[in-house]
Amino acid sequence: MSVNIKRQFSAHWQFSTADNNLTLHGFRRFKTTHLLNLRFLEAEIAELDHAIYQAGLSLEIQPSATDRLGLKHSKRDRDIPKLEDTITNELVLKLRDLLQKYDEALIAFNKVMSMETFSLIDDEKQSSLRDDLTLHEKYETRLLRVDQEPRARQDPFQRWIHRLLRRFRYWRLSKNYQGDRESLASNNARHRWSYQSTSLIAGVFSRLIFAVIMAVFLIVPLILLSDESRKGAQLAIIAVCIVVFSSVVTVMMRASNLEMMIVTAAYAAILSVFVSNTSPVGG
């Protein structure tokens, strides 16, 4: 066993037998490398696509009446190779292989980008073994949580809290960061690694804040309507509350149009109950 493999196995064994879920299920995303691979595949397919289009235009076949592809306006090369030199079995096989790799890479990257992430600095154990990265590079490096379901949707407010927690941890570590191996070795010997599950904390904080916001949107109209007997003023209060509520939900939760209609209608129905149960003063 080579020294490099032995060293890698030692680090991989620590990660694969860790007690913390961040270390145990955290894997690098390689976003830039994935995108670079897609760009290389895209460029190779683009060359074949151009050759195929030029071969098709050389057939001098009149486009259809609708011409959905805009073939009438396509630019033709001056020197077009012969059709038998362009459309070959090798080209077809190469095109199939590239398209398969390209499609699979696109779908895989889409799934990877929908997975829950955390910063490398959130996992001090993995971060301590990455001597090739600076603290800022560790802060920018994203790890995937392979033990969690892909997120279908994440509201901007929760993402803002998530980002704020990462920045706070980076600010705290940048003040106390010591790059000498003696401190890392002593920390490793004590097994006192620091972890921050930012997605969990951000989720809890966002739900608590939304619960407070919903309570405010229900309590404030109730207080205002209870002391108001004029129908015009009541309608004005209800209209303002509905507009503000729908705007807050749309911006903070990224609700779809259908969800927005349902939530707004439910909120308006609740306010209408408040109005119907409000008795005029002195009545």
Protein backbone atom coordinates (compact mmCIF):
# COMPACT_ATOMS: atom_id res chain seq x y z
CA MET A 1 0.00 0.00 0.00
CA SER A 2 1.45 3.35 -1.06
CA VAL A 3 1.88 6.18 1.42
CA ASN A 4 -0.65 8.36 -0.43
CA ILE A 5 -3.36 5.66 -0.38
CA LYS A 6 -2.65 4.93 3.28
CA ARG A 7 -2.98 8.62 4.16
CA GLN A 8 -6.20 8.93 2.15
CA PHE A 9 -7.65 5.82 3.76
CA SER A 10 -6.91 7.20 7.21
CA ALA A 11 -8.81 10.44 6.43
CA HIS A 12 -11.66 8.64 4.64
CA TRP A 13 -12.03 6.21 7.55
CA GLN A 14 -12.41 9.10 9.99
CA PHE A 15 -15.08 10.69 7.81
CA SER A 16 -16.95 7.41 7.24
CA THR A 17 -17.07 6.53 10.95
CA ALA A 18 -17.74 10.01 12.33
CA ASP A 19 -20.43 10.59 14.95
CA ASN A 20 -21.62 13.90 13.48
CA ASN A 21 -23.94 13.92 10.46
CA LEU A 22 -22.14 16.85 8.85
CA THR A 23 -18.88 14.92 8.67
CA LEU A 24 -20.54 11.58 7.97
CA HIS A 25 -22.79 12.75 5.12
CA GLY A 26 -20.98 15.85 3.85
CA PHE A 27 -19.49 15.59 0.34
CA ARG A 28 -18.04 18.27 -1.90
CA ARG A 29 -20.27 19.58 -4.66
CA PHE A 30 -17.63 20.55 -7.26
CA LYS A 31 -20.00 23.08 -8.83
CA THR A 32 -17.38 24.77 -11.02
CA THR A 33 -15.99 21.45 -12.23
CA HIS A 34 -19.47 20.18 -13.09
CA LEU A 35 -20.18 23.35 -15.05
CA LEU A 36 -16.85 23.13 -16.83
CA ASN A 37 -17.59 19.56 -17.87
CA LEU A 38 -20.99 20.64 -19.21
CA ARG A 39 -19.37 23.47 -21.18
CA PHE A 40 -16.86 21.10 -22.78
CA LEU A 41 -19.66 18.72 -23.78
CA GLU A 42 -21.74 21.63 -25.02
CA ALA A 43 -18.90 22.90 -27.22
CA GLU A 44 -18.26 19.45 -28.74
CA ILE A 45 -21.95 18.96 -29.51
CA ALA A 46 -22.17 22.49 -30.94
CA GLU A 47 -19.46 21.63 -33.48
CA LEU A 48 -21.34 18.51 -34.58
CA ASP A 49 -24.62 20.43 -34.60
CA HIS A 50 -23.14 23.07 -36.90
CA ALA A 51 -21.81 20.44 -39.28
CA ILE A 52 -25.19 18.67 -39.36
CA TYR A 53 -27.07 21.91 -40.08
CA GLN A 54 -24.69 22.82 -42.88
CA ALA A 55 -25.11 19.36 -44.37
CA GLY A 56 -28.89 19.71 -44.17
CA LEU A 57 -28.85 23.14 -45.83
CA SER A 58 -26.68 21.78 -48.63
CA LEU A 59 -29.55 19.50 -49.64
CA GLU A 60 -31.42 22.59 -50.95
CA ILE A 61 -34.72 21.33 -49.56
CA GLN A 62 -37.27 24.10 -49.19
CA PRO A 63 -38.32 24.67 -45.57
CA SER A 64 -41.91 24.15 -44.52
CA ALA A 65 -44.44 26.96 -44.69
CA THR A 66 -44.17 27.79 -40.99
CA ASP A 67 -40.36 27.36 -40.88
CA ARG A 68 -40.29 27.01 -37.09
CA LEU A 69 -36.51 26.55 -37.09
CA GLY A 70 -35.89 29.64 -39.20
CA LEU A 71 -33.94 27.72 -41.84
CA LYS A 72 -34.57 30.42 -44.44
CA HIS A 73 -32.45 32.81 -42.40
CA SER A 74 -29.67 30.37 -41.52
CA LYS A 75 -26.16 31.40 -42.52
CA ARG A 76 -24.38 29.01 -44.84
CA ASP A 77 -20.64 28.39 -44.84
CA ARG A 78 -18.70 29.10 -48.00
CA ASP A 79 -16.90 25.77 -48.12
CA ILE A 80 -19.29 22.99 -47.16
CA PRO A 81 -17.82 19.46 -47.18
CA LYS A 82 -19.53 16.79 -49.21
CA LEU A 83 -22.51 15.16 -47.59
CA GLU A 84 -20.88 11.72 -47.55
CA ASP A 85 -17.83 13.20 -45.82
CA THR A 86 -19.92 14.82 -43.08
CA ILE A 87 -22.74 12.41 -42.27
CA THR A 88 -20.93 9.18 -41.41
CA ASN A 89 -21.43 6.30 -39.02
CA GLU A 90 -18.63 7.67 -36.86
CA LEU A 91 -20.42 11.01 -36.55
CA VAL A 92 -23.70 9.34 -35.60
CA LEU A 93 -22.04 7.20 -32.93
CA LYS A 94 -20.08 10.17 -31.57
CA LEU A 95 -23.24 12.30 -31.49
CA ARG A 96 -25.18 9.62 -29.58
CA ASP A 97 -22.39 9.25 -27.05
CA LEU A 98 -22.01 12.99 -26.48
CA LEU A 99 -25.75 13.62 -26.24
CA GLN A 100 -26.15 10.81 -23.72
CA LYS A 101 -23.33 12.16 -21.58
CA TYR A 102 -24.64 15.71 -21.93
CA ASP A 103 -28.22 14.83 -20.99
CA GLU A 104 -27.15 12.68 -18.05
CA ALA A 105 -24.78 15.40 -16.83
CA LEU A 106 -27.51 18.06 -17.06
CA ILE A 107 -30.02 15.96 -15.12
CA ALA A 108 -27.42 14.94 -12.53
CA PHE A 109 -26.28 18.54 -12.05
CA ASN A 110 -29.86 19.70 -11.63
CA LYS A 111 -30.38 17.11 -8.89
CA VAL A 112 -27.07 18.01 -7.23
CA MET A 113 -27.97 21.72 -7.13
CA SER A 114 -31.31 20.91 -5.45
CA MET A 115 -29.61 19.09 -2.57
CA GLU A 116 -29.14 20.70 0.83
CA THR A 117 -25.72 22.29 1.29
CA PHE A 118 -23.57 23.66 4.07
CA SER A 119 -20.24 25.47 4.19
CA LEU A 120 -16.99 23.61 4.81
CA ILE A 121 -16.29 25.84 7.81
CA ASP A 122 -19.47 24.48 9.43
CA ASP A 123 -17.64 21.16 9.82
CA GLU A 124 -14.42 21.87 11.67
CA LYS A 125 -13.22 18.28 11.40
CA GLN A 126 -13.24 18.20 7.61
CA SER A 127 -12.07 21.80 7.45
CA SER A 128 -8.99 21.05 9.57
CA LEU A 129 -7.78 18.42 7.10
CA ARG A 130 -7.98 20.76 4.08
CA ASP A 131 -4.62 22.51 4.42
CA ASP A 132 -4.68 23.39 0.71
CA LEU A 133 -7.51 25.89 1.21
CA THR A 134 -7.53 29.26 2.93
CA LEU A 135 -10.21 30.11 5.46
CA HIS A 136 -12.12 32.14 2.88
CA GLU A 137 -11.92 29.28 0.38
CA LYS A 138 -13.30 26.94 3.03
CA TYR A 139 -16.09 29.42 3.64
CA GLU A 140 -16.96 29.44 -0.07
CA THR A 141 -16.71 25.64 -0.45
CA ARG A 142 -20.10 23.95 -0.30
CA LEU A 143 -20.67 20.40 0.91
CA LEU A 144 -23.76 18.32 0.13
CA ARG A 145 -25.96 16.61 2.69
CA VAL A 146 -26.51 13.25 0.99
CA ASP A 147 -28.65 12.00 3.90
CA GLN A 148 -31.40 14.56 3.29
CA GLU A 149 -34.08 14.79 0.63
CA PRO A 150 -33.55 17.32 -2.18
CA ARG A 151 -35.26 20.61 -1.40
CA ALA A 152 -38.22 21.22 -3.66
CA ARG A 153 -38.30 24.89 -2.72
CA GLN A 154 -36.58 27.13 -0.21
CA ASP A 155 -37.99 30.51 0.67
CA PRO A 156 -35.65 33.52 0.32
CA PHE A 157 -36.05 34.41 3.99
CA GLN A 158 -34.69 31.05 5.12
CA ARG A 159 -31.83 31.32 2.65
CA TRP A 160 -31.01 34.77 4.03
CA ILE A 161 -30.85 33.38 7.58
CA HIS A 162 -28.74 30.48 6.32
CA ARG A 163 -26.31 32.90 4.67
CA LEU A 164 -26.21 35.12 7.75
CA LEU A 165 -25.28 32.18 9.99
CA ARG A 166 -22.43 31.20 7.67
CA ARG A 167 -21.10 34.76 7.62
CA PHE A 168 -21.27 34.99 11.39
CA ARG A 169 -19.33 31.74 11.79
CA TYR A 170 -16.76 32.90 9.24
CA TRP A 171 -16.36 36.19 11.09
CA ARG A 172 -15.92 34.36 14.40
CA LEU A 173 -13.42 31.86 12.99
CA SER A 174 -11.45 34.55 11.16
CA LYS A 175 -10.81 36.26 14.50
CA ASN A 176 -9.72 33.10 16.30
CA TYR A 177 -8.29 31.13 13.38
CA GLN A 178 -4.87 29.64 14.09
CA GLY A 179 -3.25 27.78 11.24
CA ASP A 180 -0.45 26.12 13.18
CA ARG A 181 -0.46 22.35 13.27
CA GLU A 182 0.07 22.20 17.04
CA SER A 183 -3.36 23.66 17.81
CA LEU A 184 -4.99 21.36 15.25
CA ALA A 185 -3.21 18.37 16.67
CA SER A 186 -4.24 19.18 20.23
CA ASN A 187 -7.81 19.74 19.09
CA ASN A 188 -7.82 16.44 17.26
CA ALA A 189 -6.52 14.69 20.37
CA ARG A 190 -9.32 16.10 22.52
CA HIS A 191 -11.97 15.32 19.84
CA ARG A 192 -13.66 18.64 20.48
CA TRP A 193 -14.73 19.56 16.99
CA SER A 194 -17.11 22.43 16.38
CA TYR A 195 -20.15 21.97 14.13
CA GLN A 196 -22.90 24.25 12.92
CA SER A 197 -25.98 22.78 11.22
CA THR A 198 -26.97 26.00 9.47
CA SER A 199 -29.87 24.46 7.53
CA LEU A 200 -31.47 23.18 10.73
CA ILE A 201 -30.97 26.45 12.60
CA ALA A 202 -32.20 28.51 9.65
CA GLY A 203 -35.29 26.32 9.34
CA VAL A 204 -36.17 26.69 13.02
CA PHE A 205 -35.62 30.45 13.02
CA SER A 206 -37.60 31.00 9.82
CA ARG A 207 -40.57 28.98 11.10
CA LEU A 208 -40.57 30.86 14.41
CA ILE A 209 -40.40 34.23 12.67
CA PHE A 210 -43.17 33.27 10.26
CA ALA A 211 -45.32 32.14 13.18
CA VAL A 212 -44.85 35.57 14.79
CA ILE A 213 -45.64 37.32 11.49
CA MET A 214 -48.83 35.30 11.05
CA ALA A 215 -49.87 36.08 14.61
CA VAL A 216 -49.31 39.80 13.98
CA PHE A 217 -51.37 39.71 10.78
CA LEU A 218 -54.23 38.11 12.70
CA ILE A 219 -54.05 40.05 15.96
CA VAL A 220 -53.54 43.58 14.58
CA PRO A 221 -56.63 43.53 12.29
CA LEU A 222 -58.69 42.07 15.13
CA ILE A 223 -57.65 44.94 17.43
CA LEU A 224 -58.27 47.60 14.79
CA LEU A 225 -61.64 46.22 13.75
CA SER A 226 -62.89 45.75 17.29
CA ASP A 227 -62.82 49.52 17.91
CA GLU A 228 -64.10 50.57 14.49
CA SER A 229 -67.82 50.70 13.71
CA ARG A 230 -67.71 52.47 10.35
CA LYS A 231 -68.04 50.06 7.45
CA GLY A 232 -65.87 52.19 5.18
CA ALA A 233 -63.01 52.21 7.67
CA GLN A 234 -63.39 48.47 8.24
CA LEU A 235 -63.15 47.78 4.51
CA ALA A 236 -60.10 50.03 4.24
CA ILE A 237 -58.37 48.16 7.10
CA ILE A 238 -59.19 44.80 5.53
CA ALA A 239 -57.95 45.90 2.09
CA VAL A 240 -54.65 47.20 3.46
CA CYS A 241 -54.09 44.04 5.52
CA ILE A 242 -54.79 41.77 2.56
CA VAL A 243 -52.45 43.69 0.24
CA VAL A 244 -49.62 43.76 2.79
CA PHE A 245 -50.14 40.10 3.75
CA SER A 246 -50.15 38.88 0.14
CA SER A 247 -47.02 40.93 -0.64
CA VAL A 248 -45.14 39.54 2.37
CA VAL A 249 -46.09 35.94 1.55
CA THR A 250 -45.14 36.37 -2.12
CA VAL A 251 -41.73 37.88 -1.40
CA MET A 252 -40.70 35.79 1.60
CA MET A 253 -42.09 32.40 0.58
CA ARG A 254 -41.95 32.46 -3.24
CA ALA A 255 -45.51 31.22 -3.39
CA SER A 256 -46.90 30.22 -6.77
CA ASN A 257 -49.86 32.05 -8.29
CA LEU A 258 -52.28 29.30 -7.26
CA GLU A 259 -50.89 29.14 -3.73
CA MET A 260 -51.04 32.92 -3.51
CA MET A 261 -54.71 32.91 -4.50
CA ILE A 262 -55.55 30.22 -1.94
CA VAL A 263 -53.65 31.85 0.92
CA THR A 264 -55.03 35.31 0.18
CA ALA A 265 -58.60 34.01 -0.09
CA ALA A 266 -58.26 32.17 3.23
CA TYR A 267 -56.85 35.26 4.93
CA ALA A 268 -59.63 37.44 3.49
CA ALA A 269 -62.20 34.93 4.74
CA ILE A 270 -60.77 35.15 8.27
CA LEU A 271 -60.92 38.95 8.21
CA SER A 272 -64.50 38.83 6.97
CA VAL A 273 -65.37 36.72 10.01
CA PHE A 274 -63.83 39.41 12.20
CA VAL A 275 -66.05 42.04 10.56
CA SER A 276 -69.20 39.96 10.83
CA ASN A 277 -68.59 39.36 14.53
CA THR A 278 -67.81 43.03 15.25
CA SER A 279 -70.80 44.82 16.74
CA PRO A 280 -71.15 48.58 16.29
CA VAL A 281 -70.25 50.72 19.29
CA GLY A 282 -73.35 51.67 21.24
CA GLY A 283 -75.50 49.21 19.27
